[in-house]
C-alpha atoms as a PDB file:
ATOM      1  CA  MET A   1     120.455  73.485 -90.474  1.00  0.00           C
ATOM      2  CA  VAL A   2     119.881  76.688 -88.481  1.00  0.00           C
ATOM      3  CA  THR A   3     120.594  76.223 -84.783  1.00  0.00           C
ATOM      4  CA  GLU A   4     118.166  77.410 -82.129  1.00  0.00           C
ATOM      5  CA  ARG A   5     120.614  80.113 -81.060  1.00  0.00           C
ATOM      6  CA  CYS A   6     120.933  81.353 -84.651  1.00  0.00           C
ATOM      7  CA  GLN A   7     117.162  81.378 -85.004  1.00  0.00           C
ATOM      8  CA  LEU A   8     116.807  83.506 -81.884  1.00  0.00           C
ATOM      9  CA  VAL A   9     119.379  86.073 -82.994  1.00  0.00           C
ATOM     10  CA  LEU A  10     117.983  86.173 -86.546  1.00  0.00           C
ATOM     11  CA  LYS A  11     114.452  86.729 -85.267  1.00  0.00           C
ATOM     12  CA  VAL A  12     115.382  89.637 -82.997  1.00  0.00           C
ATOM     13  CA  LEU A  13     117.674  91.172 -85.627  1.00  0.00           C
ATOM     14  CA  ILE A  14     115.003  91.077 -88.339  1.00  0.00           C
ATOM     15  CA  GLU A  15     112.301  92.431 -86.048  1.00  0.00           C
ATOM     16  CA  ALA A  16     114.573  95.365 -85.187  1.00  0.00           C
ATOM     17  CA  TYR A  17     115.419  95.915 -88.848  1.00  0.00           C
ATOM     18  CA  LEU A  18     111.760  95.855 -89.931  1.00  0.00           C
ATOM     19  CA  ALA A  19     110.882  98.354 -87.221  1.00  0.00           C
ATOM     20  CA  THR A  20     113.651 100.866 -87.980  1.00  0.00           C
ATOM     21  CA  GLY A  21     115.061 100.110 -91.414  1.00  0.00           C
ATOM     22  CA  ALA A  22     118.554 100.583 -90.009  1.00  0.00           C
ATOM     23  CA  PRO A  23     121.375  98.002 -89.881  1.00  0.00           C
ATOM     24  CA  VAL A  24     121.409  96.177 -86.547  1.00  0.00           C
ATOM     25  CA  GLY A  25     124.640  95.646 -84.582  1.00  0.00           C
ATOM     26  CA  SER A  26     125.553  93.216 -81.819  1.00  0.00           C
ATOM     27  CA  LYS A  27     125.430  96.006 -79.237  1.00  0.00           C
ATOM     28  CA  THR A  28     121.796  96.778 -80.145  1.00  0.00           C
ATOM     29  CA  LEU A  29     120.887  93.127 -79.863  1.00  0.00           C
ATOM     30  CA  ALA A  30     122.654  92.763 -76.528  1.00  0.00           C
ATOM     31  CA  GLU A  31     120.830  95.818 -75.140  1.00  0.00           C
ATOM     32  CA  LYS A  32     117.480  94.216 -75.904  1.00  0.00           C
ATOM     33  CA  GLY A  33     118.221  91.748 -73.128  1.00  0.00           C
ATOM     34  CA  CYS A  34     115.993  89.029 -74.559  1.00  0.00           C
ATOM     35  CA  LEU A  35     118.732  86.868 -76.006  1.00  0.00           C
ATOM     36  CA  GLY A  36     120.544  85.828 -72.844  1.00  0.00           C
ATOM     37  CA  LEU A  37     123.835  86.001 -74.755  1.00  0.00           C
ATOM     38  CA  SER A  38     126.947  88.106 -74.328  1.00  0.00           C
ATOM     39  CA  SER A  39     127.986  90.591 -76.996  1.00  0.00           C
ATOM     40  CA  ALA A  40     130.833  88.271 -78.003  1.00  0.00           C
ATOM     41  CA  SER A  41     128.464  85.327 -78.403  1.00  0.00           C
ATOM     42  CA  ILE A  42     126.065  87.472 -80.428  1.00  0.00           C
ATOM     43  CA  ARG A  43     128.909  88.533 -82.729  1.00  0.00           C
ATOM     44  CA  ASN A  44     129.848  84.883 -83.263  1.00  0.00           C
ATOM     45  CA  VAL A  45     126.256  83.983 -84.104  1.00  0.00           C
ATOM     46  CA  MET A  46     125.994  86.923 -86.487  1.00  0.00           C
ATOM     47  CA  ALA A  47     129.143  85.711 -88.222  1.00  0.00           C
ATOM     48  CA  GLU A  48     127.499  82.277 -88.639  1.00  0.00           C
ATOM     49  CA  LEU A  49     124.383  83.868 -90.060  1.00  0.00           C
ATOM     50  CA  GLU A  50     126.443  85.966 -92.458  1.00  0.00           C
ATOM     51  CA  ASP A  51     128.380  82.908 -93.625  1.00  0.00           C
ATOM     52  CA  SER A  52     125.101  81.093 -94.292  1.00  0.00           C
ATOM     53  CA  GLY A  53     123.758  84.000 -96.382  1.00  0.00           C
ATOM     54  CA  MET A  54     121.038  85.019 -93.933  1.00  0.00           C
ATOM     55  CA  ILE A  55     122.361  88.509 -93.160  1.00  0.00           C
ATOM     56  CA  VAL A  56     124.815  90.885 -94.776  1.00  0.00           C
ATOM     57  CA  SER A  57     126.763  94.001 -93.848  1.00  0.00           C
ATOM     58  CA  PRO A  58     125.759  96.935 -96.068  1.00  0.00           C
ATOM     59  CA  HIS A  59     128.612  99.180 -97.104  1.00  0.00           C
ATOM     60  CA  ARG A  60     131.044  99.510 -94.186  1.00  0.00           C
ATOM     61  CA  SER A  61     128.435  99.585 -91.482  1.00  0.00           C
ATOM     62  CA  ALA A  62     129.087  97.551 -88.365  1.00  0.00           C
ATOM     63  CA  GLY A  63     125.431  96.541 -88.374  1.00  0.00           C
ATOM     64  CA  ARG A  64     123.760  93.810 -90.400  1.00  0.00           C
ATOM     65  CA  VAL A  65     120.565  93.615 -92.457  1.00  0.00           C
ATOM     66  CA  PRO A  66     118.739  90.471 -93.540  1.00  0.00           C
ATOM     67  CA  THR A  67     119.117  89.134 -97.058  1.00  0.00           C
ATOM     68  CA  ALA A  68     116.118  87.956 -99.075  1.00  0.00           C
ATOM     69  CA  ALA A  69     116.995  84.408 -97.984  1.00  0.00           C
ATOM     70  CA  GLY A  70     117.110  85.491 -94.341  1.00  0.00           C
ATOM     71  CA  LEU A  71     113.765  87.240 -94.631  1.00  0.00           C
ATOM     72  CA  GLN A  72     112.240  84.196 -96.299  1.00  0.00           C
ATOM     73  CA  TYR A  73     113.485  81.925 -93.497  1.00  0.00           C
ATOM     74  CA  PHE A  74     112.120  84.341 -90.904  1.00  0.00           C
ATOM     75  CA  LEU A  75     108.715  84.433 -92.583  1.00  0.00           C
ATOM     76  CA  ASP A  76     108.542  80.663 -93.004  1.00  0.00           C
ATOM     77  CA  ASN A  77     109.697  79.722 -89.520  1.00  0.00           C
ATOM     78  CA  LEU A  78     109.853  82.596 -87.033  1.00  0.00           C
ATOM     79  CA  LEU A  79     107.179  85.190 -87.823  1.00  0.00           C
ATOM     80  CA  LEU A  80     104.516  85.771 -85.176  1.00  0.00           C
ATOM     81  CA  ILE A  81     101.334  86.992 -86.881  1.00  0.00           C
ATOM     82  CA  ASP A  82      99.276  89.775 -85.285  1.00  0.00           C
ATOM     83  CA  THR A  83      95.589  89.182 -84.570  1.00  0.00           C
ATOM     84  CA  LEU A  84      93.322  91.565 -86.449  1.00  0.00           C
ATOM     85  CA  THR A  85      91.169  93.802 -84.320  1.00  0.00           C
ATOM     86  CA  GLN A  86      87.406  93.455 -84.595  1.00  0.00           C
ATOM     87  CA  THR A  87      87.337  97.028 -85.893  1.00  0.00           C
ATOM     88  CA  THR A  88      89.528  96.046 -88.862  1.00  0.00           C
ATOM     89  CA  VAL A  89      87.461  92.930 -89.573  1.00  0.00           C
ATOM     90  CA  ARG A  90      84.229  94.951 -89.490  1.00  0.00           C
ATOM     91  CA  HIS A  91      85.786  97.537 -91.826  1.00  0.00           C
ATOM     92  CA  ILE A  92      86.537  94.832 -94.412  1.00  0.00           C
ATOM     93  CA  GLU A  93      83.060  93.306 -94.010  1.00  0.00           C
ATOM     94  CA  GLN A  94      81.399  96.688 -94.509  1.00  0.00           C
ATOM     95  CA  GLN A  95      83.382  97.296 -97.701  1.00  0.00           C
ATOM     96  CA  LEU A  96      82.397  93.850 -98.996  1.00  0.00           C
ATOM     97  CA  ASN A  97      78.667  94.521 -98.893  1.00  0.00           C
ATOM     98  CA  THR A  98      76.945  91.424-100.304  1.00  0.00           C
ATOM     99  CA  GLU A  99      74.239  93.621-101.792  1.00  0.00           C
ATOM    100  CA  HIS A 100      76.802  94.718-104.377  1.00  0.00           C
ATOM    101  CA  SER A 101      77.406  92.724-107.539  1.00  0.00           C
ATOM    102  CA  HIS A 102      80.222  90.219-107.284  1.00  0.00           C
ATOM    103  CA  GLN A 103      82.123  92.093-109.956  1.00  0.00           C
ATOM    104  CA  THR A 104      81.933  95.231-107.804  1.00  0.00           C
ATOM    105  CA  LEU A 105      83.113  93.290-104.743  1.00  0.00           C
ATOM    106  CA  ILE A 106      86.249  92.162-106.559  1.00  0.00           C
ATOM    107  CA  GLN A 107      86.900  95.671-107.863  1.00  0.00           C
ATOM    108  CA  THR A 108      86.803  96.971-104.261  1.00  0.00           C
ATOM    109  CA  ILE A 109      89.673  94.734-103.104  1.00  0.00           C
ATOM    110  CA  PRO A 110      92.731  96.788-104.216  1.00  0.00           C
ATOM    111  CA  SER A 111      91.587  99.893-102.333  1.00  0.00           C
ATOM    112  CA  ILE A 112      90.765  97.860 -99.190  1.00  0.00           C
ATOM    113  CA  LEU A 113      94.220  96.283 -99.147  1.00  0.00           C
ATOM    114  CA  SER A 114      95.971  99.560 -99.929  1.00  0.00           C
ATOM    115  CA  THR A 115      94.150 101.397 -97.138  1.00  0.00           C
ATOM    116  CA  LEU A 116      94.894  98.747 -94.516  1.00  0.00           C
ATOM    117  CA  SER A 117      98.524  98.111 -95.493  1.00  0.00           C
ATOM    118  CA  ASN A 118      99.624 101.540 -96.821  1.00  0.00           C
ATOM    119  CA  TRP A 119     101.133  99.735 -99.821  1.00  0.00           C
ATOM    120  CA  VAL A 120      99.776  98.675-103.211  1.00  0.00           C
ATOM    121  CA  GLY A 121      96.751  96.374-103.333  1.00  0.00           C
ATOM    122  CA  VAL A 122      96.252  94.012-106.279  1.00  0.00           C
ATOM    123  CA  VAL A 123      93.639  91.444-107.322  1.00  0.00           C
ATOM    124  CA  THR A 124      93.122  89.214-110.342  1.00  0.00           C
ATOM    125  CA  VAL A 125      89.715  89.009-111.992  1.00  0.00           C
ATOM    126  CA  PRO A 126      88.584  85.461-112.875  1.00  0.00           C
ATOM    127  CA  LYS A 127      89.861  84.544-116.320  1.00  0.00           C
ATOM    128  CA  TYR A 128      87.945  83.390-119.347  1.00  0.00           C
ATOM    129  CA  GLN A 129      89.147  79.793-118.852  1.00  0.00           C
ATOM    130  CA  GLN A 130      87.891  79.813-115.239  1.00  0.00           C
ATOM    131  CA  MET A 131      84.390  81.039-116.111  1.00  0.00           C
ATOM    132  CA  VAL A 132      81.354  78.747-116.188  1.00  0.00           C
ATOM    133  CA  LEU A 133      78.305  79.562-118.283  1.00  0.00           C
ATOM    134  CA  ARG A 134      75.090  79.679-116.254  1.00  0.00           C
ATOM    135  CA  HIS A 135      72.717  81.381-118.696  1.00  0.00           C
ATOM    136  CA  ILE A 136      72.722  83.258-121.996  1.00  0.00           C
ATOM    137  CA  GLU A 137      70.124  85.439-123.701  1.00  0.00           C
ATOM    138  CA  PHE A 138      70.158  87.068-127.158  1.00  0.00           C
ATOM    139  CA  VAL A 139      68.071  90.253-127.211  1.00  0.00           C
ATOM    140  CA  PRO A 140      67.452  91.771-130.688  1.00  0.00           C
ATOM    141  CA  ILE A 141      68.028  95.520-130.806  1.00  0.00           C
ATOM    142  CA  THR A 142      67.827  95.987-134.579  1.00  0.00           C
ATOM    143  CA  ALA A 143      67.866  93.531-137.475  1.00  0.00           C
ATOM    144  CA  LYS A 144      71.672  93.200-137.290  1.00  0.00           C
ATOM    145  CA  LYS A 145      72.391  94.344-133.738  1.00  0.00           C
ATOM    146  CA  VAL A 146      71.986  91.953-130.787  1.00  0.00           C
ATOM    147  CA  LEU A 147      72.568  92.412-127.055  1.00  0.00           C
ATOM    148  CA  VAL A 148      74.071  89.286-125.482  1.00  0.00           C
ATOM    149  CA  ILE A 149      73.425  88.832-121.751  1.00  0.00           C
ATOM    150  CA  LEU A 150      75.805  86.292-120.219  1.00  0.00           C
ATOM    151  CA  VAL A 151      75.571  85.043-116.632  1.00  0.00           C
ATOM    152  CA  LEU A 152      78.910  83.513-115.643  1.00  0.00           C
ATOM    153  CA  ASN A 153      79.887  81.603-112.494  1.00  0.00           C
ATOM    154  CA  GLY A 154      76.476  82.338-111.023  1.00  0.00           C
ATOM    155  CA  TYR A 155      77.452  85.902-110.153  1.00  0.00           C
ATOM    156  CA  ASP A 156      79.035  87.802-113.038  1.00  0.00           C
ATOM    157  CA  ILE A 157      76.812  89.376-115.674  1.00  0.00           C
ATOM    158  CA  GLN A 158      78.426  90.410-118.957  1.00  0.00           C
ATOM    159  CA  ASN A 159      76.554  92.509-121.514  1.00  0.00           C
ATOM    160  CA  ILE A 160      78.010  92.349-125.025  1.00  0.00           C
ATOM    161  CA  MET A 161      76.665  94.277-128.013  1.00  0.00           C
ATOM    162  CA  LEU A 162      77.141  92.426-131.292  1.00  0.00           C
ATOM    163  CA  GLN A 163      76.986  93.976-134.771  1.00  0.00           C
ATOM    164  CA  LEU A 164      76.154  91.093-137.118  1.00  0.00           C
ATOM    165  CA  ASP A 165      76.833  90.679-140.832  1.00  0.00           C
ATOM    166  CA  VAL A 166      73.426  89.137-141.535  1.00  0.00           C
ATOM    167  CA  PRO A 167      70.063  89.573-139.793  1.00  0.00           C
ATOM    168  CA  PHE A 168      68.584  86.904-137.508  1.00  0.00           C
ATOM    169  CA  SER A 169      64.928  86.603-136.595  1.00  0.00           C
ATOM    170  CA  THR A 170      63.765  86.922-132.995  1.00  0.00           C
ATOM    171  CA  ALA A 171      62.565  83.313-133.135  1.00  0.00           C
ATOM    172  CA  SER A 172      65.956  81.978-134.284  1.00  0.00           C
ATOM    173  CA  LEU A 173      67.758  83.972-131.567  1.00  0.00           C
ATOM    174  CA  GLN A 174      65.415  82.502-128.940  1.00  0.00           C
ATOM    175  CA  GLN A 175      66.011  79.002-130.296  1.00  0.00           C
ATOM    176  CA  ALA A 176      69.775  79.621-130.171  1.00  0.00           C
ATOM    177  CA  SER A 177      69.511  80.772-126.525  1.00  0.00           C
ATOM    178  CA  ASN A 178      67.472  77.704-125.611  1.00  0.00           C
ATOM    179  CA  TYR A 179      69.883  75.359-127.349  1.00  0.00           C
ATOM    180  CA  ILE A 180      73.016  76.818-125.711  1.00  0.00           C
ATOM    181  CA  ASN A 181      71.425  76.948-122.250  1.00  0.00           C
ATOM    182  CA  HIS A 182      70.276  73.324-122.584  1.00  0.00           C
ATOM    183  CA  HIS A 183      73.538  71.871-123.916  1.00  0.00           C
ATOM    184  CA  PHE A 184      76.243  74.136-122.448  1.00  0.00           C
ATOM    185  CA  SER A 185      74.971  75.542-119.131  1.00  0.00           C
ATOM    186  CA  GLY A 186      77.318  74.509-116.325  1.00  0.00           C
ATOM    187  CA  LEU A 187      80.303  74.013-118.636  1.00  0.00           C
ATOM    188  CA  GLY A 188      83.469  76.087-118.606  1.00  0.00           C
ATOM    189  CA  LEU A 189      83.823  78.620-121.406  1.00  0.00           C
ATOM    190  CA  GLU A 190      87.050  77.004-122.568  1.00  0.00           C
ATOM    191  CA  VAL A 191      85.231  73.654-122.944  1.00  0.00           C
ATOM    192  CA  ILE A 192      82.406  75.391-124.812  1.00  0.00           C
ATOM    193  CA  ARG A 193      84.881  77.154-127.086  1.00  0.00           C
ATOM    194  CA  GLN A 194      86.560  73.866-127.982  1.00  0.00           C
ATOM    195  CA  LYS A 195      83.233  72.146-128.677  1.00  0.00           C
ATOM    196  CA  LEU A 196      82.151  75.022-130.901  1.00  0.00           C
ATOM    197  CA  TYR A 197      85.458  74.984-132.748  1.00  0.00           C
ATOM    198  CA  HIS A 198      85.130  71.268-133.522  1.00  0.00           C
ATOM    199  CA  SER A 199      81.510  71.747-134.575  1.00  0.00           C
ATOM    200  CA  MET A 200      82.429  74.528-136.990  1.00  0.00           C
ATOM    201  CA  GLN A 201      85.123  72.343-138.536  1.00  0.00           C
ATOM    202  CA  SER A 202      82.488  69.734-139.421  1.00  0.00           C
ATOM    203  CA  ASP A 203      80.471  69.678-142.626  1.00  0.00           C
ATOM    204  CA  LYS A 204      78.323  72.802-142.376  1.00  0.00           C
ATOM    205  CA  HIS A 205      75.716  71.285-144.677  1.00  0.00           C
ATOM    206  CA  GLN A 206      74.631  68.852-141.946  1.00  0.00           C
ATOM    207  CA  PHE A 207      73.392  71.726-139.755  1.00  0.00           C
ATOM    208  CA  ASP A 208      69.978  73.266-140.008  1.00  0.00           C
ATOM    209  CA  GLU A 209      69.363  76.992-139.749  1.00  0.00           C
ATOM    210  CA  VAL A 210      68.979  76.916-135.975  1.00  0.00           C
ATOM    211  CA  MET A 211      72.322  75.202-135.477  1.00  0.00           C
ATOM    212  CA  GLN A 212      74.018  77.636-137.840  1.00  0.00           C
ATOM    213  CA  THR A 213      72.593  80.467-135.750  1.00  0.00           C
ATOM    214  CA  VAL A 214      73.801  78.785-132.546  1.00  0.00           C
ATOM    215  CA  LEU A 215      77.361  78.444-133.844  1.00  0.00           C
ATOM    216  CA  THR A 216      77.485  81.972-135.209  1.00  0.00           C
ATOM    217  CA  MET A 217      76.032  83.645-132.118  1.00  0.00           C
ATOM    218  CA  ALA A 218      78.012  81.594-129.578  1.00  0.00           C
ATOM    219  CA  LYS A 219      81.323  82.208-131.333  1.00  0.00           C
ATOM    220  CA  ALA A 220      80.592  85.937-131.630  1.00  0.00           C
ATOM    221  CA  SER A 221      79.612  86.110-127.926  1.00  0.00           C
ATOM    222  CA  LEU A 222      82.708  84.364-126.586  1.00  0.00           C
ATOM    223  CA  THR A 223      85.260  86.195-128.714  1.00  0.00           C
ATOM    224  CA  PRO A 224      85.067  89.511-126.737  1.00  0.00           C
ATOM    225  CA  LEU A 225      85.701  87.582-123.502  1.00  0.00           C
ATOM    226  CA  THR A 226      88.971  86.159-124.821  1.00  0.00           C
ATOM    227  CA  GLU A 227      90.082  89.708-125.619  1.00  0.00           C
ATOM    228  CA  GLN A 228      89.713  90.650-121.931  1.00  0.00           C
ATOM    229  CA  GLU A 229      92.560  88.309-120.885  1.00  0.00           C
ATOM    230  CA  LYS A 230      95.097  91.136-120.811  1.00  0.00           C
ATOM    231  CA  ASN A 231      92.966  93.086-118.323  1.00  0.00           C
ATOM    232  CA  THR A 232      92.622  90.463-115.602  1.00  0.00           C
ATOM    233  CA  VAL A 233      94.622  92.220-112.869  1.00  0.00           C
ATOM    234  CA  MET A 234      93.540  95.339-110.997  1.00  0.00           C
ATOM    235  CA  VAL A 235      95.906  97.590-109.046  1.00  0.00           C
ATOM    236  CA  SER A 236      95.074 100.199-106.414  1.00  0.00           C
ATOM    237  CA  ASP A 237      96.185 103.788-106.572  1.00  0.00           C
ATOM    238  CA  GLU A 238      99.929 103.385-107.028  1.00  0.00           C
ATOM    239  CA  GLU A 239     100.916 106.200-104.660  1.00  0.00           C
ATOM    240  CA  GLY A 240     102.253 103.632-102.193  1.00  0.00           C
ATOM    241  CA  LEU A 241     104.520 102.318-104.930  1.00  0.00           C
ATOM    242  CA  PHE A 242     106.942 105.203-104.601  1.00  0.00           C
ATOM    243  CA  SER A 243     107.601 104.369-100.960  1.00  0.00           C
ATOM    244  CA  CYS A 244     108.666 100.913-102.124  1.00  0.00           C
ATOM    245  CA  VAL A 245     111.228 102.228-104.579  1.00  0.00           C
ATOM    246  CA  ARG A 246     112.668 105.396-103.122  1.00  0.00           C
ATOM    247  CA  HIS A 247     116.068 103.734-102.579  1.00  0.00           C
ATOM    248  CA  GLN A 248     116.198 102.069-106.002  1.00  0.00           C
ATOM    249  CA  SER A 249     118.263 103.110-108.997  1.00  0.00           C
ATOM    250  CA  MET A 250     116.607 104.849-111.930  1.00  0.00           C
ATOM    251  CA  ASP A 251     116.831 101.637-113.993  1.00  0.00           C
ATOM    252  CA  GLU A 252     115.114  99.627-111.242  1.00  0.00           C
ATOM    253  CA  LEU A 253     112.476 102.325-110.865  1.00  0.00           C
ATOM    254  CA  HIS A 254     111.856 102.314-114.622  1.00  0.00           C
ATOM    255  CA  HIS A 255     111.413  98.513-114.657  1.00  0.00           C
ATOM    256  CA  LEU A 256     109.002  98.640-111.726  1.00  0.00           C
ATOM    257  CA  LEU A 257     106.899 101.457-113.160  1.00  0.00           C
ATOM    258  CA  THR A 258     106.736  99.601-116.468  1.00  0.00           C
ATOM    259  CA  ALA A 259     105.611  96.450-114.656  1.00  0.00           C
ATOM    260  CA  PHE A 260     102.795  98.338-112.947  1.00  0.00           C
ATOM    261  CA  SER A 261     101.832 100.019-116.199  1.00  0.00           C
ATOM    262  CA  GLN A 262     101.725  96.844-118.286  1.00  0.00           C
ATOM    263  CA  LYS A 263     100.774  94.580-115.337  1.00  0.00           C
ATOM    264  CA  GLN A 264     101.892  91.408-117.129  1.00  0.00           C
ATOM    265  CA  GLN A 265     104.634  90.477-114.638  1.00  0.00           C
ATOM    266  CA  ILE A 266     102.255  91.065-111.738  1.00  0.00           C
ATOM    267  CA  LEU A 267      99.593  88.948-113.431  1.00  0.00           C
ATOM    268  CA  THR A 268     102.084  86.154-114.119  1.00  0.00           C
ATOM    269  CA  LEU A 269     103.115  86.055-110.455  1.00  0.00           C
ATOM    270  CA  LEU A 270      99.538  86.131-109.167  1.00  0.00           C
ATOM    271  CA  ASP A 271      98.589  83.343-111.583  1.00  0.00           C
ATOM    272  CA  GLU A 272     101.334  81.231-109.999  1.00  0.00           C
ATOM    273  CA  CYS A 273      99.712  81.848-106.622  1.00  0.00           C
ATOM    274  CA  LEU A 274      96.578  80.016-107.797  1.00  0.00           C
ATOM    275  CA  LYS A 275      98.612  76.797-107.747  1.00  0.00           C
ATOM    276  CA  GLY A 276      99.239  77.140-104.009  1.00  0.00           C
ATOM    277  CA  ASP A 277      97.085  77.483-100.928  1.00  0.00           C
ATOM    278  CA  GLY A 278      96.977  79.758 -97.911  1.00  0.00           C
ATOM    279  CA  VAL A 279      99.043  82.924 -97.621  1.00  0.00           C
ATOM    280  CA  GLN A 280     102.104  82.975 -99.873  1.00  0.00           C
ATOM    281  CA  ILE A 281     104.975  85.459 -99.644  1.00  0.00           C
ATOM    282  CA  PHE A 282     107.400  86.247-102.460  1.00  0.00           C
ATOM    283  CA  ILE A 283     110.484  88.251-101.560  1.00  0.00           C
ATOM    284  CA  GLY A 284     112.805  90.010-103.987  1.00  0.00           C
ATOM    285  CA  GLU A 285     114.296  87.665-106.545  1.00  0.00           C
ATOM    286  CA  GLY A 286     112.112  84.892-105.166  1.00  0.00           C
ATOM    287  CA  SER A 287     109.247  86.343-107.183  1.00  0.00           C
ATOM    288  CA  GLY A 288     110.987  85.340-110.395  1.00  0.00           C
ATOM    289  CA  GLN A 289     110.001  88.685-111.920  1.00  0.00           C
ATOM    290  CA  GLU A 290     112.830  91.076-112.755  1.00  0.00           C
ATOM    291  CA  ALA A 291     110.886  94.245-112.052  1.00  0.00           C
ATOM    292  CA  LEU A 292     109.902  93.100-108.547  1.00  0.00           C
ATOM    293  CA  THR A 293     113.352  92.139-107.245  1.00  0.00           C
ATOM    294  CA  GLN A 294     113.289  94.964-104.692  1.00  0.00           C
ATOM    295  CA  CYS A 295     109.730  94.260-103.537  1.00  0.00           C
ATOM    296  CA  SER A 296     107.715  91.700-101.631  1.00  0.00           C
ATOM    297  CA  LEU A 297     104.283  90.310-102.466  1.00  0.00           C
ATOM    298  CA  VAL A 298     101.969  88.875 -99.809  1.00  0.00           C
ATOM    299  CA  THR A 299      99.122  87.016-101.489  1.00  0.00           C
ATOM    300  CA  ALA A 300      96.201  84.647-100.920  1.00  0.00           C
ATOM    301  CA  ASN A 301      93.578  83.051-103.171  1.00  0.00           C
ATOM    302  CA  TYR A 302      89.850  83.681-103.046  1.00  0.00           C
ATOM    303  CA  TYR A 303      87.303  80.976-103.828  1.00  0.00           C
ATOM    304  CA  TYR A 304      83.902  80.431-105.403  1.00  0.00           C
ATOM    305  CA  GLU A 305      82.135  77.092-104.961  1.00  0.00           C
ATOM    306  CA  GLY A 306      85.361  75.591-103.600  1.00  0.00           C
ATOM    307  CA  GLN A 307      87.480  76.597-106.589  1.00  0.00           C
ATOM    308  CA  ALA A 308      90.245  79.195-106.477  1.00  0.00           C
ATOM    309  CA  ILE A 309      89.153  81.736-109.080  1.00  0.00           C
ATOM    310  CA  GLY A 310      91.555  84.575-108.326  1.00  0.00           C
ATOM    311  CA  ALA A 311      94.339  85.903-106.123  1.00  0.00           C
ATOM    312  CA  LEU A 312      94.684  89.117-104.143  1.00  0.00           C
ATOM    313  CA  GLY A 313      97.601  90.639-102.324  1.00  0.00           C
ATOM    314  CA  VAL A 314      99.807  93.510-101.259  1.00  0.00           C
ATOM    315  CA  ILE A 315     102.974  94.633-103.043  1.00  0.00           C
ATOM    316  CA  GLY A 316     105.387  96.618-100.889  1.00  0.00           C
ATOM    317  CA  PRO A 317     109.055  96.934 -99.995  1.00  0.00           C
ATOM    318  CA  MET A 318     110.973  93.959 -98.653  1.00  0.00           C
ATOM    319  CA  ARG A 319     111.047  95.837 -95.344  1.00  0.00           C
ATOM    320  CA  MET A 320     107.346  95.805 -94.530  1.00  0.00           C
ATOM    321  CA  ARG A 321     105.541  94.850 -91.338  1.00  0.00           C
ATOM    322  CA  TYR A 322     104.676  91.322 -92.408  1.00  0.00           C
ATOM    323  CA  GLU A 323     103.081  90.482 -89.061  1.00  0.00           C
ATOM    324  CA  GLN A 324     100.471  93.158 -89.874  1.00  0.00           C
ATOM    325  CA  VAL A 325     100.131  92.672 -93.636  1.00  0.00           C
ATOM    326  CA  VAL A 326      99.770  88.865 -93.604  1.00  0.00           C
ATOM    327  CA  PRO A 327      96.584  88.791 -91.461  1.00  0.00           C
ATOM    328  CA  VAL A 328      95.062  91.614 -93.524  1.00  0.00           C
ATOM    329  CA  VAL A 329      95.592  89.684 -96.768  1.00  0.00           C
ATOM    330  CA  GLU A 330      94.404  86.416 -95.232  1.00  0.00           C
ATOM    331  CA  ALA A 331      91.259  87.933 -93.733  1.00  0.00           C
ATOM    332  CA  THR A 332      90.395  89.854 -96.906  1.00  0.00           C
ATOM    333  CA  ALA A 333      90.669  86.696 -99.022  1.00  0.00           C
ATOM    334  CA  LYS A 334      88.436  84.745 -96.635  1.00  0.00           C
ATOM    335  CA  LEU A 335      85.847  87.514 -96.337  1.00  0.00           C
ATOM    336  CA  LEU A 336      85.758  88.036-100.117  1.00  0.00           C
ATOM    337  CA  SER A 337      85.232  84.290-100.619  1.00  0.00           C
ATOM    338  CA  SER A 338      82.438  84.362 -98.048  1.00  0.00           C
ATOM    339  CA  ALA A 339      80.778  87.347 -99.741  1.00  0.00           C
ATOM    340  CA  LEU A 340      80.990  85.741-103.197  1.00  0.00           C
ATOM    341  CA  ASN A 341      79.384  82.535-101.951  1.00  0.00           C
ATOM    342  CA  SER A 342      76.753  84.080 -99.676  1.00  0.00           C
ATOM    343  CA  ASN A 343      74.486  85.402-102.395  1.00  0.00           C
ATOM    344  CA  GLU A 344      73.640  83.015-105.187  1.00  0.00           C
ATOM    345  CA  THR A 345      71.167  85.348-106.854  1.00  0.00           C
ATOM    346  CA  TYR A 346      72.289  87.173-109.955  1.00  0.00           C
ATOM    347  CA  PRO A 347      73.328  90.763-109.231  1.00  0.00           C
END
């Protein structure tokens, strides 16, 4: 239980620390004049906060800095969020031009977030399991080469070139397209994959030529999409990353650079965000990812047809201006969702 007096001191201390990056002492807090407490009382409160693990004294400094737990408490209970200016909102809206394809809109997000926050912007691309088939076409190029045009989620067009082992006639490819569109349109790709798998385990002799073509072409079309799973997170220019890590050891820097190179830890964390709602903030060890223990992630989900299909956010140091970053992330997620849902025509 954090008392009201402790909350007040913690809030002012963290605001001063975020602004300067320097340890904050009782004298500094007393000089601010907003606490209404004597220096002795402030020192007593700081001792309480230190005992509770909210602040700590670095090295032998007389000042204190917040711990990850203290920062988390501040963000959950005491943070006052800035209001975005209309200029900033218009800037985001202009970048998210609804005349662009939805795939292009999503690809724009990391640079928008990086520009507005001065840190690293990230976004996840909707995964294979989250995609819904809207339409499919098989276009013969040569006897054994077919272009597959997939419309997914009503906005994402995927073009896949298939090199087949045996030739298929134009008529059989058209029949396969018609069959899949009739029976599978509106279903998730994971559901379709499972249905196809069970069908292919059945007695193949019961299928006519058209059904054999359907199974062959559908399986070949979906396989490349499953191979894209490892590339479902996009990161902005990582120049801002070095500002996050300039005080870290070489081992910590190596882990962080590896995480940004391989992206798996970032993807794992952003996938967890899809289970929540609203703006979420992960600080230091609270992220559960070893490479990000000296960083913070501010994230929010974006939606299509009411379903969270991806997450976006900003990765920066634990000492970032959260009151500025949080509204940027929140507004970008809402404006991206609006842009994705505003144009139902295929790009």
